[in-house]
C-alpha atoms as a PDB file:
ATOM      1  CA  MET A   1     -70.754  38.914 -50.649  1.00  0.00           C
ATOM      2  CA  ASN A   2     -73.316  40.529 -48.332  1.00  0.00           C
ATOM      3  CA  LYS A   3     -75.986  38.049 -49.458  1.00  0.00           C
ATOM      4  CA  LEU A   4     -73.621  35.150 -48.798  1.00  0.00           C
ATOM      5  CA  PHE A   5     -72.940  36.492 -45.291  1.00  0.00           C
ATOM      6  CA  MET A   6     -76.688  36.747 -44.581  1.00  0.00           C
ATOM      7  CA  ILE A   7     -77.276  33.166 -45.766  1.00  0.00           C
ATOM      8  CA  GLY A   8     -74.396  31.920 -43.639  1.00  0.00           C
ATOM      9  CA  THR A   9     -75.732  33.755 -40.593  1.00  0.00           C
ATOM     10  CA  MET A  10     -79.198  32.267 -41.099  1.00  0.00           C
ATOM     11  CA  VAL A  11     -77.789  28.750 -41.464  1.00  0.00           C
ATOM     12  CA  LEU A  12     -75.739  29.210 -38.292  1.00  0.00           C
ATOM     13  CA  ALA A  13     -78.769  30.521 -36.394  1.00  0.00           C
ATOM     14  CA  LEU A  14     -80.882  27.596 -37.556  1.00  0.00           C
ATOM     15  CA  GLY A  15     -78.140  25.165 -36.595  1.00  0.00           C
ATOM     16  CA  VAL A  16     -77.829  26.636 -33.110  1.00  0.00           C
ATOM     17  CA  THR A  17     -81.598  26.626 -32.673  1.00  0.00           C
ATOM     18  CA  ALA A  18     -81.857  23.046 -33.923  1.00  0.00           C
ATOM     19  CA  CYS A  19     -79.295  21.909 -31.352  1.00  0.00           C
ATOM     20  CA  THR A  20     -81.098  23.422 -28.400  1.00  0.00           C
ATOM     21  CA  SER A  21     -84.222  22.056 -26.855  1.00  0.00           C
ATOM     22  CA  THR A  22     -85.820  25.382 -25.880  1.00  0.00           C
ATOM     23  CA  PHE A  23     -86.133  28.775 -27.590  1.00  0.00           C
ATOM     24  CA  LEU A  24     -84.511  32.189 -27.606  1.00  0.00           C
ATOM     25  CA  VAL A  25     -86.224  35.030 -25.746  1.00  0.00           C
ATOM     26  CA  GLN A  26     -85.171  38.595 -26.338  1.00  0.00           C
ATOM     27  CA  LYS A  27     -86.125  41.856 -24.668  1.00  0.00           C
ATOM     28  CA  ASP A  28     -84.472  45.271 -24.614  1.00  0.00           C
ATOM     29  CA  GLY A  29     -81.757  44.126 -27.012  1.00  0.00           C
ATOM     30  CA  ARG A  30     -80.655  41.131 -24.953  1.00  0.00           C
ATOM     31  CA  GLY A  31     -81.447  37.540 -25.812  1.00  0.00           C
ATOM     32  CA  TYR A  32     -80.950  34.217 -24.074  1.00  0.00           C
ATOM     33  CA  PHE A  33     -82.165  30.671 -24.417  1.00  0.00           C
ATOM     34  CA  VAL A  34     -84.825  29.674 -21.903  1.00  0.00           C
ATOM     35  CA  GLY A  35     -83.179  27.226 -19.526  1.00  0.00           C
ATOM     36  CA  SER A  36     -79.765  28.841 -19.758  1.00  0.00           C
ATOM     37  CA  ASN A  37     -77.956  28.873 -16.438  1.00  0.00           C
ATOM     38  CA  SER A  38     -76.617  32.383 -16.992  1.00  0.00           C
ATOM     39  CA  ASP A  39     -77.026  35.080 -14.386  1.00  0.00           C
ATOM     40  CA  ALA A  40     -78.134  37.458 -17.148  1.00  0.00           C
ATOM     41  CA  ILE A  41     -81.276  35.488 -18.044  1.00  0.00           C
ATOM     42  CA  HIS A  42     -81.979  34.998 -14.336  1.00  0.00           C
ATOM     43  CA  LYS A  43     -81.937  38.764 -13.912  1.00  0.00           C
ATOM     44  CA  MET A  44     -84.047  39.308 -17.047  1.00  0.00           C
ATOM     45  CA  LEU A  45     -86.748  36.750 -16.185  1.00  0.00           C
ATOM     46  CA  CYS A  46     -86.660  36.269 -12.427  1.00  0.00           C
ATOM     47  CA  GLU A  47     -85.427  39.413 -10.715  1.00  0.00           C
ATOM     48  CA  SER A  48     -87.696  41.507 -12.960  1.00  0.00           C
ATOM     49  CA  GLY A  49     -90.740  39.366 -12.179  1.00  0.00           C
ATOM     50  CA  ASP A  50     -91.357  38.800 -15.891  1.00  0.00           C
ATOM     51  CA  LEU A  51     -91.390  35.009 -15.659  1.00  0.00           C
ATOM     52  CA  VAL A  52     -94.222  35.119 -13.106  1.00  0.00           C
ATOM     53  CA  LYS A  53     -96.233  37.299 -15.510  1.00  0.00           C
ATOM     54  CA  VAL A  54     -95.443  35.072 -18.488  1.00  0.00           C
ATOM     55  CA  LEU A  55     -96.383  31.858 -16.694  1.00  0.00           C
ATOM     56  CA  SER A  56     -99.611  33.360 -15.383  1.00  0.00           C
ATOM     57  CA  ASP A  57    -100.582  34.159 -18.993  1.00  0.00           C
ATOM     58  CA  THR A  58    -100.370  30.494 -20.024  1.00  0.00           C
ATOM     59  CA  LYS A  59    -102.882  27.679 -19.837  1.00  0.00           C
ATOM     60  CA  LEU A  60    -100.180  25.299 -18.601  1.00  0.00           C
ATOM     61  CA  PRO A  61    -101.030  23.076 -15.623  1.00  0.00           C
ATOM     62  CA  GLN A  62    -100.095  24.737 -12.332  1.00  0.00           C
ATOM     63  CA  ASP A  63     -97.532  22.056 -11.467  1.00  0.00           C
ATOM     64  CA  MET A  64     -95.753  22.653 -14.789  1.00  0.00           C
ATOM     65  CA  ARG A  65     -95.737  26.428 -14.203  1.00  0.00           C
ATOM     66  CA  ASP A  66     -94.362  25.860 -10.700  1.00  0.00           C
ATOM     67  CA  GLU A  67     -91.589  23.620 -12.014  1.00  0.00           C
ATOM     68  CA  LEU A  68     -90.664  26.034 -14.796  1.00  0.00           C
ATOM     69  CA  TYR A  69     -90.415  28.833 -12.251  1.00  0.00           C
ATOM     70  CA  LYS A  70     -88.494  26.684  -9.772  1.00  0.00           C
ATOM     71  CA  TYR A  71     -85.895  25.507 -12.267  1.00  0.00           C
ATOM     72  CA  ASN A  72     -85.446  28.967 -13.802  1.00  0.00           C
ATOM     73  CA  CYS A  73     -85.543  31.156 -10.702  1.00  0.00           C
ATOM     74  CA  SER A  74     -84.956  29.321  -7.419  1.00  0.00           C
ATOM     75  CA  LEU A  75     -81.788  28.101  -5.741  1.00  0.00           C
ATOM     76  CA  GLU A  76     -82.505  24.800  -7.510  1.00  0.00           C
ATOM     77  CA  ARG A  77     -81.976  26.485 -10.892  1.00  0.00           C
ATOM     78  CA  SER A  78     -81.317  23.843 -13.539  1.00  0.00           C
ATOM     79  CA  GLY A  79     -81.097  24.370 -17.262  1.00  0.00           C
ATOM     80  CA  ALA A  80     -81.261  20.621 -17.793  1.00  0.00           C
ATOM     81  CA  LYS A  81     -84.564  20.395 -15.893  1.00  0.00           C
ATOM     82  CA  VAL A  82     -86.061  23.336 -17.829  1.00  0.00           C
ATOM     83  CA  LYS A  83     -85.084  21.681 -21.105  1.00  0.00           C
ATOM     84  CA  GLU A  84     -86.512  18.373 -19.889  1.00  0.00           C
ATOM     85  CA  ILE A  85     -89.854  20.018 -19.030  1.00  0.00           C
ATOM     86  CA  TYR A  86     -89.974  21.896 -22.333  1.00  0.00           C
ATOM     87  CA  THR A  87     -89.155  18.768 -24.328  1.00  0.00           C
ATOM     88  CA  ALA A  88     -91.991  16.888 -22.601  1.00  0.00           C
ATOM     89  CA  MET A  89     -94.543  19.606 -23.469  1.00  0.00           C
ATOM     90  CA  SER A  90     -97.057  19.091 -26.248  1.00  0.00           C
ATOM     91  CA  PRO A  91     -96.731  21.334 -29.321  1.00  0.00           C
ATOM     92  CA  ASP A  92     -99.772  23.316 -28.131  1.00  0.00           C
ATOM     93  CA  GLN A  93     -98.209  23.859 -24.696  1.00  0.00           C
ATOM     94  CA  ARG A  94     -94.962  25.045 -26.276  1.00  0.00           C
ATOM     95  CA  LYS A  95     -96.874  27.455 -28.486  1.00  0.00           C
ATOM     96  CA  ASP A  96     -98.836  28.705 -25.468  1.00  0.00           C
ATOM     97  CA  LEU A  97     -95.605  29.438 -23.590  1.00  0.00           C
ATOM     98  CA  ARG A  98     -94.012  31.241 -26.545  1.00  0.00           C
ATOM     99  CA  THR A  99     -97.212  33.260 -27.062  1.00  0.00           C
ATOM    100  CA  ALA A 100     -97.219  34.288 -23.390  1.00  0.00           C
ATOM    101  CA  PHE A 101     -93.635  35.540 -23.742  1.00  0.00           C
ATOM    102  CA  ARG A 102     -94.678  37.591 -26.800  1.00  0.00           C
ATOM    103  CA  HIS A 103     -97.664  39.054 -24.925  1.00  0.00           C
ATOM    104  CA  ASN A 104     -95.261  40.187 -22.220  1.00  0.00           C
ATOM    105  CA  GLY A 105     -92.952  42.115 -24.543  1.00  0.00           C
ATOM    106  CA  PHE A 106     -90.448  39.454 -25.575  1.00  0.00           C
ATOM    107  CA  GLU A 107     -89.341  38.542 -29.055  1.00  0.00           C
ATOM    108  CA  ILE A 108     -89.018  34.820 -29.739  1.00  0.00           C
ATOM    109  CA  ASN A 109     -86.267  33.210 -31.831  1.00  0.00           C
ATOM    110  CA  HIS A 110     -85.419  36.532 -33.465  1.00  0.00           C
ATOM    111  CA  MET A 111     -81.787  37.100 -34.347  1.00  0.00           C
ATOM    112  CA  HIS A 112     -80.932  40.792 -34.798  1.00  0.00           C
ATOM    113  CA  CYS A 113     -78.192  41.535 -37.326  1.00  0.00           C
END
């Protein structure tokens, strides 16, 4: 029964991840999808200053970093725009962004049970 529950949880997590166009970031036991419009992720990434640190650790073009910050942290916050930017990134750019989150203490796409 326990094994069946674990398999079901993994399938659900994969299904949720497959339906989103960004990735899950987690720090200090709290996780959110990048581009979520929630106040909680805004506090975790923006009010803490972590997103500035993460973006500065990437090799992304400056205009892309500026847009990611703007649509995550400014009054023009837009989950749809963040997802649009992320979807337009090359696989190497996406990997660079995820790596920068890891280097700044975040877990990526990790579902704690």
